[in-house]
Amino acid sequence: MREPTYFILAALQDEPGHGYAIMSRVTALSGDRVRLATGTLYQALDRLTREALIEVVREEVVNGRARRHYALTPDGRSALQAEAARMAAAARVVLRPRVAGGAA
């Protein structure tokens, strides 16, 4: 899973969000490492919707424009948790305590 996708799913783990809210959460959760352009975000949201990892849970019109609110699906939550576990296991390889003398 690519980092932007991971953070988009993570941005939706606690509550649904619309595009701008998702972009803001991604930036905050990633420590400002991932900054999504608007077009990139909406392409990702369309792809994740097609893959059934997220779904549109509400639509409203704000200032004459449609605003969609997205939420994780059960499959999206599972994919996010699996990726977090994979990354944690990979991090343990590097962060494990070292034995003096170089062998571990």
PDB file of N, CA and C in Angstrom:
ATOM      1  N   MET A   1       0.862  -1.174   0.000  1.00  0.00           N
ATOM      2  CA  MET A   1       0.000   0.000   0.000  1.00  0.00           C
ATOM      3  C   MET A   1       0.907   1.235   0.000  1.00  0.00           C
ATOM      4  N   ARG A   2       0.608   2.168  -0.872  1.00  0.00           N
ATOM      5  CA  ARG A   2       1.386   3.395  -0.928  1.00  0.00           C
ATOM      6  C   ARG A   2       1.051   4.296   0.260  1.00  0.00           C
ATOM      7  N   GLU A   3       2.018   5.111   0.645  1.00  0.00           N
ATOM      8  CA  GLU A   3       1.861   5.966   1.822  1.00  0.00           C
ATOM      9  C   GLU A   3       0.641   6.891   1.745  1.00  0.00           C
ATOM     10  N   PRO A   4       0.377   7.550   0.610  1.00  0.00           N
ATOM     11  CA  PRO A   4      -0.821   8.401   0.563  1.00  0.00           C
ATOM     12  C   PRO A   4      -2.110   7.616   0.819  1.00  0.00           C
ATOM     13  N   THR A   5      -2.206   6.428   0.248  1.00  0.00           N
ATOM     14  CA  THR A   5      -3.393   5.592   0.461  1.00  0.00           C
ATOM     15  C   THR A   5      -3.531   5.234   1.937  1.00  0.00           C
ATOM     16  N   TYR A   6      -2.425   4.837   2.555  1.00  0.00           N
ATOM     17  CA  TYR A   6      -2.436   4.494   3.975  1.00  0.00           C
ATOM     18  C   TYR A   6      -2.974   5.654   4.803  1.00  0.00           C
ATOM     19  N   PHE A   7      -2.486   6.855   4.548  1.00  0.00           N
ATOM     20  CA  PHE A   7      -2.904   8.000   5.347  1.00  0.00           C
ATOM     21  C   PHE A   7      -4.330   8.449   5.025  1.00  0.00           C
ATOM     22  N   ILE A   8      -4.794   8.247   3.808  1.00  0.00           N
ATOM     23  CA  ILE A   8      -6.205   8.545   3.498  1.00  0.00           C
ATOM     24  C   ILE A   8      -7.105   7.618   4.307  1.00  0.00           C
ATOM     25  N   LEU A   9      -6.784   6.331   4.306  1.00  0.00           N
ATOM     26  CA  LEU A   9      -7.583   5.387   5.091  1.00  0.00           C
ATOM     27  C   LEU A   9      -7.482   5.711   6.583  1.00  0.00           C
ATOM     28  N   ALA A  10      -6.285   6.047   7.054  1.00  0.00           N
ATOM     29  CA  ALA A  10      -6.100   6.388   8.460  1.00  0.00           C
ATOM     30  C   ALA A  10      -6.899   7.635   8.837  1.00  0.00           C
ATOM     31  N   ALA A  11      -7.007   8.575   7.908  1.00  0.00           N
ATOM     32  CA  ALA A  11      -7.756   9.805   8.164  1.00  0.00           C
ATOM     33  C   ALA A  11      -9.238   9.522   8.378  1.00  0.00           C
ATOM     34  N   LEU A  12      -9.698   8.387   7.884  1.00  0.00           N
ATOM     35  CA  LEU A  12     -11.117   8.037   7.995  1.00  0.00           C
ATOM     36  C   LEU A  12     -11.397   6.993   9.079  1.00  0.00           C
ATOM     37  N   GLN A  13     -10.385   6.600   9.831  1.00  0.00           N
ATOM     38  CA  GLN A  13     -10.575   5.508  10.787  1.00  0.00           C
ATOM     39  C   GLN A  13     -11.489   5.863  11.956  1.00  0.00           C
ATOM     40  N   ASP A  14     -11.544   7.131  12.341  1.00  0.00           N
ATOM     41  CA  ASP A  14     -12.362   7.507  13.494  1.00  0.00           C
ATOM     42  C   ASP A  14     -13.717   8.090  13.129  1.00  0.00           C
ATOM     43  N   GLU A  15     -13.796   8.736  11.965  1.00  0.00           N
ATOM     44  CA  GLU A  15     -15.055   9.366  11.559  1.00  0.00           C
ATOM     45  C   GLU A  15     -15.023   9.660  10.067  1.00  0.00           C
ATOM     46  N   PRO A  16     -16.196   9.742   9.453  1.00  0.00           N
ATOM     47  CA  PRO A  16     -16.252  10.106   8.036  1.00  0.00           C
ATOM     48  C   PRO A  16     -15.695  11.514   7.827  1.00  0.00           C
ATOM     49  N   GLY A  17     -15.323  11.793   6.588  1.00  0.00           N
ATOM     50  CA  GLY A  17     -14.823  13.124   6.279  1.00  0.00           C
ATOM     51  C   GLY A  17     -15.030  13.464   4.826  1.00  0.00           C
ATOM     52  N   HIS A  18     -15.057  14.756   4.532  1.00  0.00           N
ATOM     53  CA  HIS A  18     -15.129  15.233   3.152  1.00  0.00           C
ATOM     54  C   HIS A  18     -13.710  15.545   2.689  1.00  0.00           C
ATOM     55  N   GLY A  19     -13.577  15.864   1.419  1.00  0.00           N
ATOM     56  CA  GLY A  19     -12.266  16.029   0.810  1.00  0.00           C
ATOM     57  C   GLY A  19     -11.298  16.912   1.560  1.00  0.00           C
ATOM     58  N   TYR A  20     -11.696  18.150   1.873  1.00  0.00           N
ATOM     59  CA  TYR A  20     -10.783  19.066   2.545  1.00  0.00           C
ATOM     60  C   TYR A  20     -10.397  18.543   3.929  1.00  0.00           C
ATOM     61  N   ALA A  21     -11.359  17.980   4.658  1.00  0.00           N
ATOM     62  CA  ALA A  21     -11.062  17.421   5.980  1.00  0.00           C
ATOM     63  C   ALA A  21     -10.078  16.261   5.864  1.00  0.00           C
ATOM     64  N   ILE A  22     -10.248  15.431   4.857  1.00  0.00           N
ATOM     65  CA  ILE A  22      -9.331  14.299   4.652  1.00  0.00           C
ATOM     66  C   ILE A  22      -7.927  14.829   4.348  1.00  0.00           C
ATOM     67  N   MET A  23      -7.826  15.818   3.459  1.00  0.00           N
ATOM     68  CA  MET A  23      -6.513  16.395   3.130  1.00  0.00           C
ATOM     69  C   MET A  23      -5.837  16.931   4.389  1.00  0.00           C
ATOM     70  N   SER A  24      -6.577  17.627   5.229  1.00  0.00           N
ATOM     71  CA  SER A  24      -6.014  18.194   6.457  1.00  0.00           C
ATOM     72  C   SER A  24      -5.569  17.101   7.421  1.00  0.00           C
ATOM     73  N   ARG A  25      -6.391  16.069   7.567  1.00  0.00           N
ATOM     74  CA  ARG A  25      -6.034  14.970   8.473  1.00  0.00           C
ATOM     75  C   ARG A  25      -4.807  14.224   7.974  1.00  0.00           C
ATOM     76  N   VAL A  26      -4.724  13.995   6.664  1.00  0.00           N
ATOM     77  CA  VAL A  26      -3.556  13.310   6.088  1.00  0.00           C
ATOM     78  C   VAL A  26      -2.290  14.091   6.413  1.00  0.00           C
ATOM     79  N   THR A  27      -2.322  15.392   6.215  1.00  0.00           N
ATOM     80  CA  THR A  27      -1.152  16.226   6.506  1.00  0.00           C
ATOM     81  C   THR A  27      -0.780  16.128   7.983  1.00  0.00           C
ATOM     82  N   ALA A  28      -1.765  16.218   8.862  1.00  0.00           N
ATOM     83  CA  ALA A  28      -1.495  16.157  10.299  1.00  0.00           C
ATOM     84  C   ALA A  28      -0.999  14.775  10.723  1.00  0.00           C
ATOM     85  N   LEU A  29      -1.672  13.725  10.292  1.00  0.00           N
ATOM     86  CA  LEU A  29      -1.293  12.368  10.691  1.00  0.00           C
ATOM     87  C   LEU A  29       0.093  11.981  10.189  1.00  0.00           C
ATOM     88  N   SER A  30       0.473  12.499   9.035  1.00  0.00           N
ATOM     89  CA  SER A  30       1.772  12.150   8.450  1.00  0.00           C
ATOM     90  C   SER A  30       2.891  13.060   8.952  1.00  0.00           C
ATOM     91  N   GLY A  31       2.581  13.958   9.865  1.00  0.00           N
ATOM     92  CA  GLY A  31       3.598  14.881  10.347  1.00  0.00           C
ATOM     93  C   GLY A  31       4.070  15.816   9.248  1.00  0.00           C
ATOM     94  N   ASP A  32       3.144  16.165   8.356  1.00  0.00           N
ATOM     95  CA  ASP A  32       3.398  17.090   7.243  1.00  0.00           C
ATOM     96  C   ASP A  32       4.237  16.465   6.118  1.00  0.00           C
ATOM     97  N   ARG A  33       4.458  15.138   6.167  1.00  0.00           N
ATOM     98  CA  ARG A  33       5.214  14.469   5.106  1.00  0.00           C
ATOM     99  C   ARG A  33       4.382  14.267   3.853  1.00  0.00           C
ATOM    100  N   VAL A  34       3.084  13.996   4.028  1.00  0.00           N
ATOM    101  CA  VAL A  34       2.209  13.732   2.882  1.00  0.00           C
ATOM    102  C   VAL A  34       1.259  14.912   2.736  1.00  0.00           C
ATOM    103  N   ARG A  35       1.398  15.599   1.611  1.00  0.00           N
ATOM    104  CA  ARG A  35       0.513  16.719   1.298  1.00  0.00           C
ATOM    105  C   ARG A  35      -0.113  16.400  -0.052  1.00  0.00           C
ATOM    106  N   LEU A  36      -1.410  16.170  -0.048  1.00  0.00           N
ATOM    107  CA  LEU A  36      -2.109  15.736  -1.250  1.00  0.00           C
ATOM    108  C   LEU A  36      -2.640  16.924  -2.047  1.00  0.00           C
ATOM    109  N   ALA A  37      -2.363  16.925  -3.334  1.00  0.00           N
ATOM    110  CA  ALA A  37      -2.999  17.891  -4.226  1.00  0.00           C
ATOM    111  C   ALA A  37      -4.457  17.476  -4.380  1.00  0.00           C
ATOM    112  N   THR A  38      -5.308  18.433  -4.656  1.00  0.00           N
ATOM    113  CA  THR A  38      -6.745  18.164  -4.753  1.00  0.00           C
ATOM    114  C   THR A  38      -7.043  17.072  -5.779  1.00  0.00           C
ATOM    115  N   GLY A  39      -6.464  17.175  -6.967  1.00  0.00           N
ATOM    116  CA  GLY A  39      -6.707  16.180  -8.008  1.00  0.00           C
ATOM    117  C   GLY A  39      -6.247  14.793  -7.600  1.00  0.00           C
ATOM    118  N   THR A  40      -5.103  14.723  -6.943  1.00  0.00           N
ATOM    119  CA  THR A  40      -4.571  13.439  -6.473  1.00  0.00           C
ATOM    120  C   THR A  40      -5.505  12.819  -5.444  1.00  0.00           C
ATOM    121  N   LEU A  41      -5.992  13.648  -4.517  1.00  0.00           N
ATOM    122  CA  LEU A  41      -6.911  13.144  -3.494  1.00  0.00           C
ATOM    123  C   LEU A  41      -8.165  12.564  -4.125  1.00  0.00           C
ATOM    124  N   TYR A  42      -8.792  13.310  -5.022  1.00  0.00           N
ATOM    125  CA  TYR A  42     -10.062  12.840  -5.579  1.00  0.00           C
ATOM    126  C   TYR A  42      -9.878  11.626  -6.484  1.00  0.00           C
ATOM    127  N   GLN A  43      -8.749  11.510  -7.166  1.00  0.00           N
ATOM    128  CA  GLN A  43      -8.465  10.281  -7.920  1.00  0.00           C
ATOM    129  C   GLN A  43      -8.350   9.107  -6.959  1.00  0.00           C
ATOM    130  N   ALA A  44      -7.656   9.316  -5.837  1.00  0.00           N
ATOM    131  CA  ALA A  44      -7.506   8.250  -4.839  1.00  0.00           C
ATOM    132  C   ALA A  44      -8.851   7.883  -4.227  1.00  0.00           C
ATOM    133  N   LEU A  45      -9.675   8.888  -3.903  1.00  0.00           N
ATOM    134  CA  LEU A  45     -10.990   8.600  -3.328  1.00  0.00           C
ATOM    135  C   LEU A  45     -11.849   7.807  -4.309  1.00  0.00           C
ATOM    136  N   ASP A  46     -11.804   8.160  -5.586  1.00  0.00           N
ATOM    137  CA  ASP A  46     -12.555   7.396  -6.598  1.00  0.00           C
ATOM    138  C   ASP A  46     -12.057   5.959  -6.667  1.00  0.00           C
ATOM    139  N   ARG A  47     -10.746   5.771  -6.659  1.00  0.00           N
ATOM    140  CA  ARG A  47     -10.169   4.422  -6.725  1.00  0.00           C
ATOM    141  C   ARG A  47     -10.529   3.619  -5.480  1.00  0.00           C
ATOM    142  N   LEU A  48     -10.392   4.219  -4.312  1.00  0.00           N
ATOM    143  CA  LEU A  48     -10.704   3.506  -3.073  1.00  0.00           C
ATOM    144  C   LEU A  48     -12.185   3.165  -2.976  1.00  0.00           C
ATOM    145  N   THR A  49     -13.037   4.010  -3.550  1.00  0.00           N
ATOM    146  CA  THR A  49     -14.472   3.707  -3.598  1.00  0.00           C
ATOM    147  C   THR A  49     -14.720   2.523  -4.522  1.00  0.00           C
ATOM    148  N   ARG A  50     -14.095   2.527  -5.694  1.00  0.00           N
ATOM    149  CA  ARG A  50     -14.238   1.388  -6.625  1.00  0.00           C
ATOM    150  C   ARG A  50     -13.743   0.084  -5.995  1.00  0.00           C
ATOM    151  N   GLU A  51     -12.684   0.175  -5.199  1.00  0.00           N
ATOM    152  CA  GLU A  51     -12.117  -1.014  -4.540  1.00  0.00           C
ATOM    153  C   GLU A  51     -12.888  -1.397  -3.277  1.00  0.00           C
ATOM    154  N   ALA A  52     -13.930  -0.640  -2.948  1.00  0.00           N
ATOM    155  CA  ALA A  52     -14.797  -0.885  -1.784  1.00  0.00           C
ATOM    156  C   ALA A  52     -14.052  -0.783  -0.456  1.00  0.00           C
ATOM    157  N   LEU A  53     -12.995   0.046  -0.409  1.00  0.00           N
ATOM    158  CA  LEU A  53     -12.288   0.291   0.842  1.00  0.00           C
ATOM    159  C   LEU A  53     -12.894   1.483   1.576  1.00  0.00           C
ATOM    160  N   ILE A  54     -13.547   2.368   0.821  1.00  0.00           N
ATOM    161  CA  ILE A  54     -14.301   3.479   1.403  1.00  0.00           C
ATOM    162  C   ILE A  54     -15.636   3.564   0.678  1.00  0.00           C
ATOM    163  N   GLU A  55     -16.552   4.319   1.265  1.00  0.00           N
ATOM    164  CA  GLU A  55     -17.851   4.519   0.630  1.00  0.00           C
ATOM    165  C   GLU A  55     -18.343   5.929   0.925  1.00  0.00           C
ATOM    166  N   VAL A  56     -19.191   6.426   0.048  1.00  0.00           N
ATOM    167  CA  VAL A  56     -19.833   7.719   0.271  1.00  0.00           C
ATOM    168  C   VAL A  56     -20.980   7.481   1.240  1.00  0.00           C
ATOM    169  N   VAL A  57     -20.962   8.208   2.358  1.00  0.00           N
ATOM    170  CA  VAL A  57     -22.004   8.021   3.369  1.00  0.00           C
ATOM    171  C   VAL A  57     -22.977   9.188   3.425  1.00  0.00           C
ATOM    172  N   ARG A  58     -22.608  10.303   2.816  1.00  0.00           N
ATOM    173  CA  ARG A  58     -23.490  11.467   2.805  1.00  0.00           C
ATOM    174  C   ARG A  58     -23.044  12.433   1.717  1.00  0.00           C
ATOM    175  N   GLU A  59     -24.012  13.070   1.084  1.00  0.00           N
ATOM    176  CA  GLU A  59     -23.728  14.129   0.117  1.00  0.00           C
ATOM    177  C   GLU A  59     -24.560  15.340   0.494  1.00  0.00           C
ATOM    178  N   GLU A  60     -23.963  16.504   0.359  1.00  0.00           N
ATOM    179  CA  GLU A  60     -24.673  17.744   0.621  1.00  0.00           C
ATOM    180  C   GLU A  60     -24.188  18.792  -0.369  1.00  0.00           C
ATOM    181  N   VAL A  61     -24.937  19.841  -0.511  1.00  0.00           N
ATOM    182  CA  VAL A  61     -24.531  20.944  -1.376  1.00  0.00           C
ATOM    183  C   VAL A  61     -24.129  22.105  -0.485  1.00  0.00           C
ATOM    184  N   VAL A  62     -22.890  22.567  -0.669  1.00  0.00           N
ATOM    185  CA  VAL A  62     -22.349  23.679   0.105  1.00  0.00           C
ATOM    186  C   VAL A  62     -21.871  24.732  -0.886  1.00  0.00           C
ATOM    187  N   ASN A  63     -22.438  25.928  -0.793  1.00  0.00           N
ATOM    188  CA  ASN A  63     -22.083  27.015  -1.722  1.00  0.00           C
ATOM    189  C   ASN A  63     -22.234  26.579  -3.177  1.00  0.00           C
ATOM    190  N   GLY A  64     -23.276  25.836  -3.447  1.00  0.00           N
ATOM    191  CA  GLY A  64     -23.566  25.414  -4.809  1.00  0.00           C
ATOM    192  C   GLY A  64     -22.740  24.242  -5.316  1.00  0.00           C
ATOM    193  N   ARG A  65     -21.916  23.664  -4.462  1.00  0.00           N
ATOM    194  CA  ARG A  65     -21.068  22.543  -4.882  1.00  0.00           C
ATOM    195  C   ARG A  65     -21.384  21.308  -4.050  1.00  0.00           C
ATOM    196  N   ALA A  66     -21.338  20.164  -4.710  1.00  0.00           N
ATOM    197  CA  ALA A  66     -21.583  18.904  -3.999  1.00  0.00           C
ATOM    198  C   ALA A  66     -20.401  18.594  -3.091  1.00  0.00           C
ATOM    199  N   ARG A  67     -20.700  18.165  -1.883  1.00  0.00           N
ATOM    200  CA  ARG A  67     -19.664  17.743  -0.943  1.00  0.00           C
ATOM    201  C   ARG A  67     -19.997  16.324  -0.505  1.00  0.00           C
ATOM    202  N   ARG A  68     -19.095  15.405  -0.790  1.00  0.00           N
ATOM    203  CA  ARG A  68     -19.283  14.010  -0.398  1.00  0.00           C
ATOM    204  C   ARG A  68     -18.505  13.723   0.876  1.00  0.00           C
ATOM    205  N   HIS A  69     -19.128  12.961   1.743  1.00  0.00           N
ATOM    206  CA  HIS A  69     -18.476  12.510   2.968  1.00  0.00           C
ATOM    207  C   HIS A  69     -18.188  11.026   2.811  1.00  0.00           C
ATOM    208  N   TYR A  70     -16.962  10.642   3.077  1.00  0.00           N
ATOM    209  CA  TYR A  70     -16.504   9.271   2.895  1.00  0.00           C
ATOM    210  C   TYR A  70     -16.245   8.617   4.247  1.00  0.00           C
ATOM    211  N   ALA A  71     -16.421   7.293   4.295  1.00  0.00           N
ATOM    212  CA  ALA A  71     -16.135   6.516   5.501  1.00  0.00           C
ATOM    213  C   ALA A  71     -15.463   5.211   5.086  1.00  0.00           C
ATOM    214  N   LEU A  72     -14.703   4.654   6.018  1.00  0.00           N
ATOM    215  CA  LEU A  72     -14.106   3.337   5.781  1.00  0.00           C
ATOM    216  C   LEU A  72     -15.193   2.278   5.718  1.00  0.00           C
ATOM    217  N   THR A  73     -15.012   1.308   4.860  1.00  0.00           N
ATOM    218  CA  THR A  73     -15.852   0.116   4.866  1.00  0.00           C
ATOM    219  C   THR A  73     -15.158  -0.912   5.773  1.00  0.00           C
ATOM    220  N   PRO A  74     -15.831  -1.994   6.115  1.00  0.00           N
ATOM    221  CA  PRO A  74     -15.143  -3.039   6.885  1.00  0.00           C
ATOM    222  C   PRO A  74     -13.885  -3.545   6.165  1.00  0.00           C
ATOM    223  N   ASP A  75     -13.944  -3.691   4.848  1.00  0.00           N
ATOM    224  CA  ASP A  75     -12.754  -4.121   4.108  1.00  0.00           C
ATOM    225  C   ASP A  75     -11.652  -3.070   4.180  1.00  0.00           C
ATOM    226  N   GLY A  76     -12.038  -1.792   4.159  1.00  0.00           N
ATOM    227  CA  GLY A  76     -11.055  -0.720   4.272  1.00  0.00           C
ATOM    228  C   GLY A  76     -10.373  -0.726   5.625  1.00  0.00           C
ATOM    229  N   ARG A  77     -11.153  -0.941   6.682  1.00  0.00           N
ATOM    230  CA  ARG A  77     -10.588  -1.017   8.038  1.00  0.00           C
ATOM    231  C   ARG A  77      -9.629  -2.203   8.143  1.00  0.00           C
ATOM    232  N   SER A  78     -10.005  -3.340   7.574  1.00  0.00           N
ATOM    233  CA  SER A  78      -9.134  -4.527   7.600  1.00  0.00           C
ATOM    234  C   SER A  78      -7.836  -4.271   6.837  1.00  0.00           C
ATOM    235  N   ALA A  79      -7.946  -3.630   5.676  1.00  0.00           N
ATOM    236  CA  ALA A  79      -6.757  -3.330   4.872  1.00  0.00           C
ATOM    237  C   ALA A  79      -5.828  -2.373   5.620  1.00  0.00           C
ATOM    238  N   LEU A  80      -6.391  -1.372   6.280  1.00  0.00           N
ATOM    239  CA  LEU A  80      -5.600  -0.418   7.049  1.00  0.00           C
ATOM    240  C   LEU A  80      -4.894  -1.116   8.204  1.00  0.00           C
ATOM    241  N   GLN A  81      -5.614  -1.954   8.935  1.00  0.00           N
ATOM    242  CA  GLN A  81      -5.008  -2.664  10.063  1.00  0.00           C
ATOM    243  C   GLN A  81      -3.925  -3.636   9.590  1.00  0.00           C
ATOM    244  N   ALA A  82      -4.155  -4.316   8.476  1.00  0.00           N
ATOM    245  CA  ALA A  82      -3.148  -5.236   7.945  1.00  0.00           C
ATOM    246  C   ALA A  82      -1.885  -4.484   7.535  1.00  0.00           C
ATOM    247  N   GLU A  83      -2.045  -3.327   6.919  1.00  0.00           N
ATOM    248  CA  GLU A  83      -0.887  -2.542   6.517  1.00  0.00           C
ATOM    249  C   GLU A  83      -0.133  -2.018   7.732  1.00  0.00           C
ATOM    250  N   ALA A  84      -0.856  -1.579   8.765  1.00  0.00           N
ATOM    251  CA  ALA A  84      -0.201  -1.111   9.986  1.00  0.00           C
ATOM    252  C   ALA A  84       0.593  -2.246  10.635  1.00  0.00           C
ATOM    253  N   ALA A  85       0.034  -3.444  10.655  1.00  0.00           N
ATOM    254  CA  ALA A  85       0.735  -4.599  11.221  1.00  0.00           C
ATOM    255  C   ALA A  85       1.970  -4.942  10.396  1.00  0.00           C
ATOM    256  N   ARG A  86       1.853  -4.868   9.070  1.00  0.00           N
ATOM    257  CA  ARG A  86       2.988  -5.151   8.191  1.00  0.00           C
ATOM    258  C   ARG A  86       4.115  -4.148   8.450  1.00  0.00           C
ATOM    259  N   MET A  87       3.768  -2.868   8.565  1.00  0.00           N
ATOM    260  CA  MET A  87       4.785  -1.841   8.799  1.00  0.00           C
ATOM    261  C   MET A  87       5.414  -1.999  10.183  1.00  0.00           C
ATOM    262  N   ALA A  88       4.626  -2.357  11.184  1.00  0.00           N
ATOM    263  CA  ALA A  88       5.162  -2.564  12.536  1.00  0.00           C
ATOM    264  C   ALA A  88       6.148  -3.727  12.544  1.00  0.00           C
ATOM    265  N   ALA A  89       5.816  -4.809  11.834  1.00  0.00           N
ATOM    266  CA  ALA A  89       6.724  -5.955  11.759  1.00  0.00           C
ATOM    267  C   ALA A  89       8.019  -5.569  11.048  1.00  0.00           C
ATOM    268  N   ALA A  90       7.916  -4.786   9.989  1.00  0.00           N
ATOM    269  CA  ALA A  90       9.105  -4.336   9.271  1.00  0.00           C
ATOM    270  C   ALA A  90       9.953  -3.425  10.158  1.00  0.00           C
ATOM    271  N   ALA A  91       9.319  -2.579  10.946  1.00  0.00           N
ATOM    272  CA  ALA A  91      10.051  -1.677  11.833  1.00  0.00           C
ATOM    273  C   ALA A  91      10.781  -2.459  12.924  1.00  0.00           C
ATOM    274  N   ARG A  92      10.183  -3.543  13.396  1.00  0.00           N
ATOM    275  CA  ARG A  92      10.830  -4.343  14.446  1.00  0.00           C
ATOM    276  C   ARG A  92      12.165  -4.916  13.971  1.00  0.00           C
ATOM    277  N   VAL A  93      12.310  -5.174  12.691  1.00  0.00           N
ATOM    278  CA  VAL A  93      13.569  -5.694  12.153  1.00  0.00           C
ATOM    279  C   VAL A  93      14.695  -4.699  12.412  1.00  0.00           C
ATOM    280  N   VAL A  94      14.405  -3.434  12.281  1.00  0.00           N
ATOM    281  CA  VAL A  94      15.410  -2.391  12.443  1.00  0.00           C
ATOM    282  C   VAL A  94      15.516  -1.913  13.886  1.00  0.00           C
ATOM    283  N   LEU A  95      14.409  -1.848  14.578  1.00  0.00           N
ATOM    284  CA  LEU A  95      14.377  -1.256  15.912  1.00  0.00           C
ATOM    285  C   LEU A  95      14.620  -2.248  17.045  1.00  0.00           C
ATOM    286  N   ARG A  96      14.802  -3.514  16.723  1.00  0.00           N
ATOM    287  CA  ARG A  96      15.017  -4.519  17.774  1.00  0.00           C
ATOM    288  C   ARG A  96      16.316  -4.229  18.524  1.00  0.00           C
ATOM    289  N   PRO A  97      16.381  -4.645  19.773  1.00  0.00           N
ATOM    290  CA  PRO A  97      17.620  -4.444  20.542  1.00  0.00           C
ATOM    291  C   PRO A  97      18.777  -5.194  19.886  1.00  0.00           C
ATOM    292  N   ARG A  98      19.913  -4.579  19.862  1.00  0.00           N
ATOM    293  CA  ARG A  98      21.117  -5.177  19.270  1.00  0.00           C
ATOM    294  C   ARG A  98      21.959  -5.836  20.345  1.00  0.00           C
ATOM    295  N   VAL A  99      22.575  -6.940  19.985  1.00  0.00           N
ATOM    296  CA  VAL A  99      23.485  -7.645  20.883  1.00  0.00           C
ATOM    297  C   VAL A  99      24.878  -7.083  20.641  1.00  0.00           C
ATOM    298  N   ALA A 100      25.631  -6.834  21.719  1.00  0.00           N
ATOM    299  CA  ALA A 100      26.990  -6.338  21.582  1.00  0.00           C
ATOM    300  C   ALA A 100      27.804  -7.292  20.724  1.00  0.00           C
ATOM    301  N   GLY A 101      28.652  -6.758  19.892  1.00  0.00           N
ATOM    302  CA  GLY A 101      29.481  -7.593  19.014  1.00  0.00           C
ATOM    303  C   GLY A 101      28.906  -7.715  17.628  1.00  0.00           C
ATOM    304  N   GLY A 102      27.725  -7.161  17.380  1.00  0.00           N
ATOM    305  CA  GLY A 102      27.166  -7.115  16.036  1.00  0.00           C
ATOM    306  C   GLY A 102      26.201  -8.219  15.688  1.00  0.00           C
ATOM    307  N   ALA A 103      26.290  -9.381  16.311  1.00  0.00           N
ATOM    308  CA  ALA A 103      25.358 -10.461  15.985  1.00  0.00           C
ATOM    309  C   ALA A 103      24.094 -10.298  16.811  1.00  0.00           C
ATOM    310  N   ALA A 104      22.982 -10.590  16.198  1.00  0.00           N
ATOM    311  CA  ALA A 104      21.709 -10.476  16.929  1.00  0.00           C
ATOM    312  C   ALA A 104      20.957 -11.764  16.885  1.00  0.00           C
TER     313      ALA A 104
END
